[in-house]
């Protein structure tokens, strides 16, 4: 008898008894709770680039911004806006919590949780 499949996308399969992701199987009988959480990206790298660009914005002779300063500011800004939040499925069992799946695709995580 085949198990009823509730969700099957990419490398994720959810059935009545199992949660399978990237080849790893979690038995749902041992899972006490499932939750989704969101982790914001670390912004320190882009802030450092923009900060360096702002510190060096004036040329030595005071004629205006240097090209390297503008490049640093632009790279920092692009890096900042390209970063995405990471969405995570957390499975809790008596032995602790496990981050079973993480993705930048909120729809995939929402579809797995419920």
PDB file of N, CA and C in Angstrom:
ATOM      1  N   UNK A   1       0.843  -1.173   0.000  1.00  0.00           N
ATOM      2  CA  UNK A   1       0.000   0.000   0.000  1.00  0.00           C
ATOM      3  C   UNK A   1       0.891   1.239   0.000  1.00  0.00           C
ATOM      4  N   UNK A   2       0.618   2.149  -0.908  1.00  0.00           N
ATOM      5  CA  UNK A   2       1.402   3.374  -1.025  1.00  0.00           C
ATOM      6  C   UNK A   2       0.967   4.392   0.028  1.00  0.00           C
ATOM      7  N   UNK A   3       1.962   5.163   0.474  1.00  0.00           N
ATOM      8  CA  UNK A   3       1.665   6.246   1.408  1.00  0.00           C
ATOM      9  C   UNK A   3       1.029   7.402   0.658  1.00  0.00           C
ATOM     10  N   UNK A   4       0.123   8.084   1.330  1.00  0.00           N
ATOM     11  CA  UNK A   4      -0.466   9.279   0.733  1.00  0.00           C
ATOM     12  C   UNK A   4       0.556  10.403   0.802  1.00  0.00           C
ATOM     13  N   UNK A   5       0.855  11.004  -0.335  1.00  0.00           N
ATOM     14  CA  UNK A   5       1.826  12.092  -0.421  1.00  0.00           C
ATOM     15  C   UNK A   5       1.066  13.416  -0.325  1.00  0.00           C
ATOM     16  N   UNK A   6       1.431  14.236   0.674  1.00  0.00           N
ATOM     17  CA  UNK A   6       0.793  15.535   0.857  1.00  0.00           C
ATOM     18  C   UNK A   6       1.487  16.621   0.051  1.00  0.00           C
ATOM     19  N   UNK A   7       2.805  16.493  -0.098  1.00  0.00           N
ATOM     20  CA  UNK A   7       3.574  17.495  -0.835  1.00  0.00           C
ATOM     21  C   UNK A   7       4.771  16.820  -1.470  1.00  0.00           C
ATOM     22  N   UNK A   8       5.018  17.139  -2.722  1.00  0.00           N
ATOM     23  CA  UNK A   8       6.219  16.656  -3.402  1.00  0.00           C
ATOM     24  C   UNK A   8       6.698  17.755  -4.340  1.00  0.00           C
ATOM     25  N   UNK A   9       7.787  18.419  -3.907  1.00  0.00           N
ATOM     26  CA  UNK A   9       8.387  19.501  -4.688  1.00  0.00           C
ATOM     27  C   UNK A   9       9.892  19.356  -4.635  1.00  0.00           C
ATOM     28  N   UNK A  10      10.534  19.573  -5.751  1.00  0.00           N
ATOM     29  CA  UNK A  10      11.994  19.527  -5.837  1.00  0.00           C
ATOM     30  C   UNK A  10      12.534  18.344  -5.043  1.00  0.00           C
ATOM     31  N   UNK A  11      13.240  18.618  -3.957  1.00  0.00           N
ATOM     32  CA  UNK A  11      13.812  17.538  -3.148  1.00  0.00           C
ATOM     33  C   UNK A  11      13.089  17.380  -1.817  1.00  0.00           C
ATOM     34  N   UNK A  12      11.801  17.758  -1.763  1.00  0.00           N
ATOM     35  CA  UNK A  12      11.021  17.677  -0.536  1.00  0.00           C
ATOM     36  C   UNK A  12       9.797  16.807  -0.767  1.00  0.00           C
ATOM     37  N   UNK A  13       9.604  15.833   0.120  1.00  0.00           N
ATOM     38  CA  UNK A  13       8.414  14.997   0.086  1.00  0.00           C
ATOM     39  C   UNK A  13       7.859  14.905   1.495  1.00  0.00           C
ATOM     40  N   UNK A  14       6.550  15.145   1.632  1.00  0.00           N
ATOM     41  CA  UNK A  14       5.880  15.026   2.921  1.00  0.00           C
ATOM     42  C   UNK A  14       4.755  14.020   2.769  1.00  0.00           C
ATOM     43  N   UNK A  15       4.800  12.970   3.601  1.00  0.00           N
ATOM     44  CA  UNK A  15       3.732  11.968   3.638  1.00  0.00           C
ATOM     45  C   UNK A  15       3.141  11.956   5.046  1.00  0.00           C
ATOM     46  N   UNK A  16       2.230  11.039   5.282  1.00  0.00           N
ATOM     47  CA  UNK A  16       1.602  10.938   6.599  1.00  0.00           C
ATOM     48  C   UNK A  16       2.617  10.540   7.673  1.00  0.00           C
ATOM     49  N   UNK A  17       3.634   9.794   7.300  1.00  0.00           N
ATOM     50  CA  UNK A  17       4.578   9.269   8.297  1.00  0.00           C
ATOM     51  C   UNK A  17       6.008   9.782   8.151  1.00  0.00           C
ATOM     52  N   UNK A  18       6.318  10.428   7.020  1.00  0.00           N
ATOM     53  CA  UNK A  18       7.711  10.828   6.786  1.00  0.00           C
ATOM     54  C   UNK A  18       7.816  12.231   6.200  1.00  0.00           C
ATOM     55  N   UNK A  19       8.941  12.876   6.519  1.00  0.00           N
ATOM     56  CA  UNK A  19       9.336  14.148   5.918  1.00  0.00           C
ATOM     57  C   UNK A  19      10.705  13.882   5.311  1.00  0.00           C
ATOM     58  N   UNK A  20      10.798  13.942   3.997  1.00  0.00           N
ATOM     59  CA  UNK A  20      12.042  13.614   3.298  1.00  0.00           C
ATOM     60  C   UNK A  20      12.548  14.877   2.610  1.00  0.00           C
ATOM     61  N   UNK A  21      13.803  15.242   2.914  1.00  0.00           N
ATOM     62  CA  UNK A  21      14.394  16.431   2.305  1.00  0.00           C
ATOM     63  C   UNK A  21      15.858  16.140   1.998  1.00  0.00           C
ATOM     64  N   UNK A  22      16.253  16.399   0.761  1.00  0.00           N
ATOM     65  CA  UNK A  22      17.628  16.189   0.299  1.00  0.00           C
ATOM     66  C   UNK A  22      18.144  14.799   0.680  1.00  0.00           C
ATOM     67  N   UNK A  23      17.294  13.785   0.543  1.00  0.00           N
ATOM     68  CA  UNK A  23      17.709  12.412   0.817  1.00  0.00           C
ATOM     69  C   UNK A  23      17.688  12.009   2.284  1.00  0.00           C
ATOM     70  N   UNK A  24      17.419  12.935   3.190  1.00  0.00           N
ATOM     71  CA  UNK A  24      17.338  12.613   4.617  1.00  0.00           C
ATOM     72  C   UNK A  24      15.878  12.445   5.002  1.00  0.00           C
ATOM     73  N   UNK A  25      15.582  11.367   5.725  1.00  0.00           N
ATOM     74  CA  UNK A  25      14.216  11.072   6.128  1.00  0.00           C
ATOM     75  C   UNK A  25      14.036  11.327   7.616  1.00  0.00           C
ATOM     76  N   UNK A  26      12.979  12.062   7.937  1.00  0.00           N
ATOM     77  CA  UNK A  26      12.594  12.299   9.326  1.00  0.00           C
ATOM     78  C   UNK A  26      11.284  11.565   9.565  1.00  0.00           C
ATOM     79  N   UNK A  27      11.245  10.702  10.569  1.00  0.00           N
ATOM     80  CA  UNK A  27      10.011  10.001  10.923  1.00  0.00           C
ATOM     81  C   UNK A  27       9.124  10.965  11.691  1.00  0.00           C
ATOM     82  N   UNK A  28       7.923  11.183  11.200  1.00  0.00           N
ATOM     83  CA  UNK A  28       7.035  12.140  11.837  1.00  0.00           C
ATOM     84  C   UNK A  28       6.519  11.650  13.186  1.00  0.00           C
ATOM     85  N   UNK A  29       6.635  10.353  13.450  1.00  0.00           N
ATOM     86  CA  UNK A  29       6.198   9.832  14.746  1.00  0.00           C
ATOM     87  C   UNK A  29       7.054  10.386  15.883  1.00  0.00           C
ATOM     88  N   UNK A  30       8.289  10.765  15.601  1.00  0.00           N
ATOM     89  CA  UNK A  30       9.179  11.316  16.610  1.00  0.00           C
ATOM     90  C   UNK A  30       9.179  12.829  16.672  1.00  0.00           C
ATOM     91  N   UNK A  31       8.402  13.472  15.799  1.00  0.00           N
ATOM     92  CA  UNK A  31       8.376  14.932  15.744  1.00  0.00           C
ATOM     93  C   UNK A  31       7.234  15.442  16.620  1.00  0.00           C
ATOM     94  N   UNK A  32       7.568  16.325  17.577  1.00  0.00           N
ATOM     95  CA  UNK A  32       6.543  16.865  18.478  1.00  0.00           C
ATOM     96  C   UNK A  32       5.963  18.183  17.968  1.00  0.00           C
ATOM     97  N   UNK A  33       6.738  18.934  17.185  1.00  0.00           N
ATOM     98  CA  UNK A  33       6.211  20.166  16.594  1.00  0.00           C
ATOM     99  C   UNK A  33       7.025  20.547  15.359  1.00  0.00           C
ATOM    100  N   UNK A  34       6.370  21.303  14.496  1.00  0.00           N
ATOM    101  CA  UNK A  34       7.000  21.818  13.280  1.00  0.00           C
ATOM    102  C   UNK A  34       6.722  23.308  13.236  1.00  0.00           C
ATOM    103  N   UNK A  35       7.765  24.088  12.980  1.00  0.00           N
ATOM    104  CA  UNK A  35       7.546  25.526  12.863  1.00  0.00           C
ATOM    105  C   UNK A  35       8.420  26.088  11.750  1.00  0.00           C
ATOM    106  N   UNK A  36       7.984  27.215  11.257  1.00  0.00           N
ATOM    107  CA  UNK A  36       8.767  27.941  10.252  1.00  0.00           C
ATOM    108  C   UNK A  36       9.324  29.185  10.918  1.00  0.00           C
ATOM    109  N   UNK A  37      10.571  29.487  10.611  1.00  0.00           N
ATOM    110  CA  UNK A  37      11.149  30.730  11.105  1.00  0.00           C
ATOM    111  C   UNK A  37      11.886  31.411   9.969  1.00  0.00           C
ATOM    112  N   UNK A  38      12.127  32.694  10.145  1.00  0.00           N
ATOM    113  CA  UNK A  38      12.800  33.488   9.126  1.00  0.00           C
ATOM    114  C   UNK A  38      14.056  34.101   9.730  1.00  0.00           C
ATOM    115  N   UNK A  39      15.147  33.981   9.007  1.00  0.00           N
ATOM    116  CA  UNK A  39      16.420  34.565   9.447  1.00  0.00           C
ATOM    117  C   UNK A  39      16.803  35.671   8.467  1.00  0.00           C
ATOM    118  N   UNK A  40      17.011  36.852   9.005  1.00  0.00           N
ATOM    119  CA  UNK A  40      17.428  37.990   8.181  1.00  0.00           C
ATOM    120  C   UNK A  40      18.901  37.841   7.819  1.00  0.00           C
ATOM    121  N   UNK A  41      19.291  38.334   6.656  1.00  0.00           N
ATOM    122  CA  UNK A  41      20.702  38.230   6.254  1.00  0.00           C
ATOM    123  C   UNK A  41      21.584  39.115   7.128  1.00  0.00           C
ATOM    124  N   UNK A  42      22.844  38.729   7.216  1.00  0.00           N
ATOM    125  CA  UNK A  42      23.814  39.552   7.932  1.00  0.00           C
ATOM    126  C   UNK A  42      24.184  40.727   7.034  1.00  0.00           C
ATOM    127  N   UNK A  43      24.138  41.888   7.595  1.00  0.00           N
ATOM    128  CA  UNK A  43      24.362  43.105   6.816  1.00  0.00           C
ATOM    129  C   UNK A  43      25.725  43.741   7.063  1.00  0.00           C
ATOM    130  N   UNK A  44      26.589  43.104   7.817  1.00  0.00           N
ATOM    131  CA  UNK A  44      27.860  43.725   8.193  1.00  0.00           C
ATOM    132  C   UNK A  44      28.775  43.953   6.982  1.00  0.00           C
ATOM    133  N   UNK A  45      28.832  43.004   6.055  1.00  0.00           N
ATOM    134  CA  UNK A  45      29.687  43.155   4.874  1.00  0.00           C
ATOM    135  C   UNK A  45      29.327  44.365   4.035  1.00  0.00           C
ATOM    136  N   UNK A  46      28.055  44.503   3.631  1.00  0.00           N
ATOM    137  CA  UNK A  46      27.686  45.681   2.852  1.00  0.00           C
ATOM    138  C   UNK A  46      27.902  46.991   3.612  1.00  0.00           C
ATOM    139  N   UNK A  47      27.648  46.970   4.914  1.00  0.00           N
ATOM    140  CA  UNK A  47      27.855  48.190   5.705  1.00  0.00           C
ATOM    141  C   UNK A  47      29.330  48.590   5.746  1.00  0.00           C
ATOM    142  N   UNK A  48      30.216  47.610   5.830  1.00  0.00           N
ATOM    143  CA  UNK A  48      31.646  47.902   5.827  1.00  0.00           C
ATOM    144  C   UNK A  48      32.063  48.532   4.501  1.00  0.00           C
ATOM    145  N   UNK A  49      31.584  47.965   3.388  1.00  0.00           N
ATOM    146  CA  UNK A  49      31.931  48.535   2.079  1.00  0.00           C
ATOM    147  C   UNK A  49      31.431  49.972   1.933  1.00  0.00           C
ATOM    148  N   UNK A  50      30.175  50.200   2.300  1.00  0.00           N
ATOM    149  CA  UNK A  50      29.626  51.556   2.193  1.00  0.00           C
ATOM    150  C   UNK A  50      30.376  52.493   3.130  1.00  0.00           C
ATOM    151  N   UNK A  51      30.677  52.030   4.338  1.00  0.00           N
ATOM    152  CA  UNK A  51      31.426  52.853   5.293  1.00  0.00           C
ATOM    153  C   UNK A  51      32.802  53.231   4.773  1.00  0.00           C
ATOM    154  N   UNK A  52      33.517  52.259   4.195  1.00  0.00           N
ATOM    155  CA  UNK A  52      34.830  52.556   3.613  1.00  0.00           C
ATOM    156  C   UNK A  52      34.712  53.553   2.470  1.00  0.00           C
ATOM    157  N   UNK A  53      33.670  53.365   1.676  1.00  0.00           N
ATOM    158  CA  UNK A  53      33.451  54.304   0.572  1.00  0.00           C
ATOM    159  C   UNK A  53      33.175  55.705   1.070  1.00  0.00           C
ATOM    160  N   UNK A  54      32.384  55.830   2.133  1.00  0.00           N
ATOM    161  CA  UNK A  54      32.076  57.155   2.680  1.00  0.00           C
ATOM    162  C   UNK A  54      33.287  57.797   3.349  1.00  0.00           C
ATOM    163  N   UNK A  55      34.101  56.965   4.009  1.00  0.00           N
ATOM    164  CA  UNK A  55      35.306  57.498   4.657  1.00  0.00           C
ATOM    165  C   UNK A  55      36.279  58.063   3.619  1.00  0.00           C
ATOM    166  N   UNK A  56      36.379  57.401   2.482  1.00  0.00           N
ATOM    167  CA  UNK A  56      37.350  57.811   1.454  1.00  0.00           C
ATOM    168  C   UNK A  56      36.706  58.634   0.342  1.00  0.00           C
ATOM    169  N   UNK A  57      35.524  59.193   0.593  1.00  0.00           N
ATOM    170  CA  UNK A  57      34.779  59.862  -0.467  1.00  0.00           C
ATOM    171  C   UNK A  57      35.491  61.115  -1.000  1.00  0.00           C
ATOM    172  N   UNK A  58      36.257  61.785  -0.217  1.00  0.00           N
ATOM    173  CA  UNK A  58      36.971  62.987  -0.679  1.00  0.00           C
ATOM    174  C   UNK A  58      38.372  62.632  -1.153  1.00  0.00           C
ATOM    175  N   UNK A  59      38.729  63.137  -2.282  1.00  0.00           N
ATOM    176  CA  UNK A  59      40.089  62.910  -2.775  1.00  0.00           C
ATOM    177  C   UNK A  59      41.063  63.762  -1.974  1.00  0.00           C
ATOM    178  N   UNK A  60      42.318  63.465  -2.119  1.00  0.00           N
ATOM    179  CA  UNK A  60      43.362  64.169  -1.362  1.00  0.00           C
ATOM    180  C   UNK A  60      43.353  65.667  -1.671  1.00  0.00           C
ATOM    181  N   UNK A  61      43.128  66.028  -2.913  1.00  0.00           N
ATOM    182  CA  UNK A  61      43.157  67.451  -3.269  1.00  0.00           C
ATOM    183  C   UNK A  61      41.800  68.135  -3.053  1.00  0.00           C
ATOM    184  N   UNK A  62      40.799  67.385  -2.575  1.00  0.00           N
ATOM    185  CA  UNK A  62      39.495  67.970  -2.258  1.00  0.00           C
ATOM    186  C   UNK A  62      38.633  68.267  -3.459  1.00  0.00           C
ATOM    187  N   UNK A  63      38.930  67.684  -4.612  1.00  0.00           N
ATOM    188  CA  UNK A  63      38.196  68.002  -5.833  1.00  0.00           C
ATOM    189  C   UNK A  63      36.864  67.255  -5.955  1.00  0.00           C
ATOM    190  N   UNK A  64      36.609  66.293  -5.125  1.00  0.00           N
ATOM    191  CA  UNK A  64      35.349  65.560  -5.219  1.00  0.00           C
ATOM    192  C   UNK A  64      35.550  64.079  -4.940  1.00  0.00           C
ATOM    193  N   UNK A  65      34.481  63.313  -5.066  1.00  0.00           N
ATOM    194  CA  UNK A  65      34.568  61.881  -4.767  1.00  0.00           C
ATOM    195  C   UNK A  65      35.493  61.147  -5.727  1.00  0.00           C
ATOM    196  N   UNK A  66      36.237  60.204  -5.194  1.00  0.00           N
ATOM    197  CA  UNK A  66      37.100  59.384  -6.050  1.00  0.00           C
ATOM    198  C   UNK A  66      36.281  58.256  -6.655  1.00  0.00           C
ATOM    199  N   UNK A  67      36.761  57.715  -7.752  1.00  0.00           N
ATOM    200  CA  UNK A  67      36.062  56.613  -8.405  1.00  0.00           C
ATOM    201  C   UNK A  67      36.014  55.383  -7.503  1.00  0.00           C
ATOM    202  N   UNK A  68      37.107  55.125  -6.788  1.00  0.00           N
ATOM    203  CA  UNK A  68      37.143  53.955  -5.915  1.00  0.00           C
ATOM    204  C   UNK A  68      36.125  54.080  -4.783  1.00  0.00           C
ATOM    205  N   UNK A  69      35.913  55.282  -4.271  1.00  0.00           N
ATOM    206  CA  UNK A  69      34.909  55.503  -3.227  1.00  0.00           C
ATOM    207  C   UNK A  69      33.512  55.209  -3.760  1.00  0.00           C
ATOM    208  N   UNK A  70      33.231  55.692  -4.949  1.00  0.00           N
ATOM    209  CA  UNK A  70      31.920  55.454  -5.552  1.00  0.00           C
ATOM    210  C   UNK A  70      31.704  53.980  -5.847  1.00  0.00           C
ATOM    211  N   UNK A  71      32.768  53.292  -6.263  1.00  0.00           N
ATOM    212  CA  UNK A  71      32.669  51.853  -6.532  1.00  0.00           C
ATOM    213  C   UNK A  71      32.365  51.094  -5.238  1.00  0.00           C
ATOM    214  N   UNK A  72      33.060  51.444  -4.149  1.00  0.00           N
ATOM    215  CA  UNK A  72      32.808  50.783  -2.867  1.00  0.00           C
ATOM    216  C   UNK A  72      31.368  50.995  -2.402  1.00  0.00           C
ATOM    217  N   UNK A  73      30.889  52.226  -2.517  1.00  0.00           N
ATOM    218  CA  UNK A  73      29.514  52.532  -2.108  1.00  0.00           C
ATOM    219  C   UNK A  73      28.518  51.766  -2.976  1.00  0.00           C
ATOM    220  N   UNK A  74      28.745  51.737  -4.279  1.00  0.00           N
ATOM    221  CA  UNK A  74      27.841  51.024  -5.191  1.00  0.00           C
ATOM    222  C   UNK A  74      27.844  49.529  -4.923  1.00  0.00           C
ATOM    223  N   UNK A  75      29.031  48.940  -4.733  1.00  0.00           N
ATOM    224  CA  UNK A  75      29.104  47.507  -4.446  1.00  0.00           C
ATOM    225  C   UNK A  75      28.406  47.160  -3.135  1.00  0.00           C
ATOM    226  N   UNK A  76      28.606  47.989  -2.114  1.00  0.00           N
ATOM    227  CA  UNK A  76      27.938  47.766  -0.831  1.00  0.00           C
ATOM    228  C   UNK A  76      26.424  47.836  -0.967  1.00  0.00           C
ATOM    229  N   UNK A  77      25.937  48.812  -1.724  1.00  0.00           N
ATOM    230  CA  UNK A  77      24.492  48.963  -1.926  1.00  0.00           C
ATOM    231  C   UNK A  77      23.914  47.781  -2.711  1.00  0.00           C
ATOM    232  N   UNK A  78      24.613  47.356  -3.750  1.00  0.00           N
ATOM    233  CA  UNK A  78      24.135  46.207  -4.536  1.00  0.00           C
ATOM    234  C   UNK A  78      24.109  44.959  -3.675  1.00  0.00           C
ATOM    235  N   UNK A  79      25.164  44.726  -2.910  1.00  0.00           N
ATOM    236  CA  UNK A  79      25.235  43.562  -2.025  1.00  0.00           C
ATOM    237  C   UNK A  79      24.081  43.592  -1.023  1.00  0.00           C
ATOM    238  N   UNK A  80      23.798  44.760  -0.441  1.00  0.00           N
ATOM    239  CA  UNK A  80      22.721  44.924   0.542  1.00  0.00           C
ATOM    240  C   UNK A  80      21.376  44.511  -0.069  1.00  0.00           C
ATOM    241  N   UNK A  81      21.080  45.039  -1.255  1.00  0.00           N
ATOM    242  CA  UNK A  81      19.774  44.795  -1.854  1.00  0.00           C
ATOM    243  C   UNK A  81      19.634  43.407  -2.477  1.00  0.00           C
ATOM    244  N   UNK A  82      20.742  42.728  -2.739  1.00  0.00           N
ATOM    245  CA  UNK A  82      20.675  41.375  -3.296  1.00  0.00           C
ATOM    246  C   UNK A  82      20.501  40.299  -2.217  1.00  0.00           C
ATOM    247  N   UNK A  83      20.744  40.648  -0.970  1.00  0.00           N
ATOM    248  CA  UNK A  83      20.596  39.668   0.102  1.00  0.00           C
ATOM    249  C   UNK A  83      19.114  39.393   0.344  1.00  0.00           C
ATOM    250  N   UNK A  84      18.788  38.133   0.572  1.00  0.00           N
ATOM    251  CA  UNK A  84      17.406  37.709   0.810  1.00  0.00           C
ATOM    252  C   UNK A  84      17.296  37.046   2.169  1.00  0.00           C
ATOM    253  N   UNK A  85      16.103  37.086   2.740  1.00  0.00           N
ATOM    254  CA  UNK A  85      15.842  36.393   3.991  1.00  0.00           C
ATOM    255  C   UNK A  85      15.869  34.890   3.741  1.00  0.00           C
ATOM    256  N   UNK A  86      16.271  34.147   4.754  1.00  0.00           N
ATOM    257  CA  UNK A  86      16.283  32.691   4.664  1.00  0.00           C
ATOM    258  C   UNK A  86      15.124  32.162   5.504  1.00  0.00           C
ATOM    259  N   UNK A  87      14.315  31.303   4.911  1.00  0.00           N
ATOM    260  CA  UNK A  87      13.168  30.702   5.575  1.00  0.00           C
ATOM    261  C   UNK A  87      13.540  29.260   5.941  1.00  0.00           C
ATOM    262  N   UNK A  88      13.214  28.863   7.159  1.00  0.00           N
ATOM    263  CA  UNK A  88      13.685  27.594   7.697  1.00  0.00           C
ATOM    264  C   UNK A  88      12.525  26.808   8.299  1.00  0.00           C
ATOM    265  N   UNK A  89      12.520  25.490   8.059  1.00  0.00           N
ATOM    266  CA  UNK A  89      11.600  24.580   8.739  1.00  0.00           C
ATOM    267  C   UNK A  89      12.366  23.944   9.886  1.00  0.00           C
ATOM    268  N   UNK A  90      11.803  24.076  11.086  1.00  0.00           N
ATOM    269  CA  UNK A  90      12.417  23.520  12.290  1.00  0.00           C
ATOM    270  C   UNK A  90      11.541  22.386  12.795  1.00  0.00           C
ATOM    271  N   UNK A  91      12.132  21.200  12.914  1.00  0.00           N
ATOM    272  CA  UNK A  91      11.435  20.040  13.475  1.00  0.00           C
ATOM    273  C   UNK A  91      11.899  19.858  14.914  1.00  0.00           C
ATOM    274  N   UNK A  92      10.949  19.779  15.837  1.00  0.00           N
ATOM    275  CA  UNK A  92      11.295  19.591  17.240  1.00  0.00           C
ATOM    276  C   UNK A  92      10.911  18.182  17.651  1.00  0.00           C
ATOM    277  N   UNK A  93      11.827  17.521  18.356  1.00  0.00           N
ATOM    278  CA  UNK A  93      11.593  16.166  18.859  1.00  0.00           C
ATOM    279  C   UNK A  93      12.122  16.113  20.288  1.00  0.00           C
ATOM    280  N   UNK A  94      11.895  15.018  20.997  1.00  0.00           N
ATOM    281  CA  UNK A  94      12.421  14.916  22.359  1.00  0.00           C
ATOM    282  C   UNK A  94      13.949  15.082  22.432  1.00  0.00           C
ATOM    283  N   UNK A  95      14.647  14.794  21.364  1.00  0.00           N
ATOM    284  CA  UNK A  95      16.113  14.915  21.372  1.00  0.00           C
ATOM    285  C   UNK A  95      16.605  16.318  20.999  1.00  0.00           C
ATOM    286  N   UNK A  96      15.698  17.236  20.666  1.00  0.00           N
ATOM    287  CA  UNK A  96      16.093  18.602  20.347  1.00  0.00           C
ATOM    288  C   UNK A  96      15.469  19.116  19.064  1.00  0.00           C
ATOM    289  N   UNK A  97      15.989  20.235  18.586  1.00  0.00           N
ATOM    290  CA  UNK A  97      15.488  20.849  17.357  1.00  0.00           C
ATOM    291  C   UNK A  97      16.441  20.592  16.199  1.00  0.00           C
ATOM    292  N   UNK A  98      15.872  20.486  15.001  1.00  0.00           N
ATOM    293  CA  UNK A  98      16.671  20.271  13.805  1.00  0.00           C
ATOM    294  C   UNK A  98      16.166  21.192  12.702  1.00  0.00           C
ATOM    295  N   UNK A  99      17.089  21.939  12.091  1.00  0.00           N
ATOM    296  CA  UNK A  99      16.737  22.737  10.919  1.00  0.00           C
ATOM    297  C   UNK A  99      16.694  21.790   9.725  1.00  0.00           C
ATOM    298  N   UNK A 100      15.501  21.334   9.393  1.00  0.00           N
ATOM    299  CA  UNK A 100      15.354  20.308   8.366  1.00  0.00           C
ATOM    300  C   UNK A 100      15.517  20.861   6.957  1.00  0.00           C
ATOM    301  N   UNK A 101      15.080  22.081   6.734  1.00  0.00           N
ATOM    302  CA  UNK A 101      15.108  22.643   5.381  1.00  0.00           C
ATOM    303  C   UNK A 101      15.228  24.151   5.469  1.00  0.00           C
ATOM    304  N   UNK A 102      16.086  24.730   4.638  1.00  0.00           N
ATOM    305  CA  UNK A 102      16.165  26.187   4.540  1.00  0.00           C
ATOM    306  C   UNK A 102      16.127  26.572   3.072  1.00  0.00           C
ATOM    307  N   UNK A 103      15.469  27.695   2.811  1.00  0.00           N
ATOM    308  CA  UNK A 103      15.318  28.147   1.439  1.00  0.00           C
ATOM    309  C   UNK A 103      15.041  29.640   1.432  1.00  0.00           C
ATOM    310  N   UNK A 104      15.399  30.297   0.353  1.00  0.00           N
ATOM    311  CA  UNK A 104      15.036  31.697   0.174  1.00  0.00           C
ATOM    312  C   UNK A 104      13.632  31.818  -0.407  1.00  0.00           C
ATOM    313  N   UNK A 105      13.037  30.677  -0.779  1.00  0.00           N
ATOM    314  CA  UNK A 105      11.691  30.622  -1.341  1.00  0.00           C
ATOM    315  C   UNK A 105      10.681  30.438  -0.206  1.00  0.00           C
ATOM    316  N   UNK A 106      10.031  31.532   0.183  1.00  0.00           N
ATOM    317  CA  UNK A 106       9.064  31.483   1.286  1.00  0.00           C
ATOM    318  C   UNK A 106       7.890  30.562   0.953  1.00  0.00           C
ATOM    319  N   UNK A 107       7.499  30.506  -0.306  1.00  0.00           N
ATOM    320  CA  UNK A 107       6.388  29.653  -0.720  1.00  0.00           C
ATOM    321  C   UNK A 107       6.665  28.184  -0.484  1.00  0.00           C
ATOM    322  N   UNK A 108       7.885  27.742  -0.733  1.00  0.00           N
ATOM    323  CA  UNK A 108       8.239  26.349  -0.494  1.00  0.00           C
ATOM    324  C   UNK A 108       8.127  26.008   0.981  1.00  0.00           C
ATOM    325  N   UNK A 109       8.648  26.875   1.848  1.00  0.00           N
ATOM    326  CA  UNK A 109       8.606  26.634   3.284  1.00  0.00           C
ATOM    327  C   UNK A 109       7.164  26.673   3.787  1.00  0.00           C
ATOM    328  N   UNK A 110       6.386  27.631   3.325  1.00  0.00           N
ATOM    329  CA  UNK A 110       4.988  27.716   3.730  1.00  0.00           C
ATOM    330  C   UNK A 110       4.210  26.483   3.289  1.00  0.00           C
ATOM    331  N   UNK A 111       4.510  25.970   2.110  1.00  0.00           N
ATOM    332  CA  UNK A 111       3.836  24.777   1.609  1.00  0.00           C
ATOM    333  C   UNK A 111       4.164  23.537   2.427  1.00  0.00           C
ATOM    334  N   UNK A 112       5.349  23.477   2.991  1.00  0.00           N
ATOM    335  CA  UNK A 112       5.733  22.328   3.802  1.00  0.00           C
ATOM    336  C   UNK A 112       5.134  22.380   5.198  1.00  0.00           C
ATOM    337  N   UNK A 113       4.997  23.577   5.738  1.00  0.00           N
ATOM    338  CA  UNK A 113       4.519  23.723   7.121  1.00  0.00           C
ATOM    339  C   UNK A 113       3.012  23.702   7.177  1.00  0.00           C
ATOM    340  N   UNK A 114       2.380  24.292   6.209  1.00  0.00           N
ATOM    341  CA  UNK A 114       0.973  24.137   6.323  1.00  0.00           C
ATOM    342  C   UNK A 114       0.085  25.126   5.781  1.00  0.00           C
TER     343      UNK A 114
END
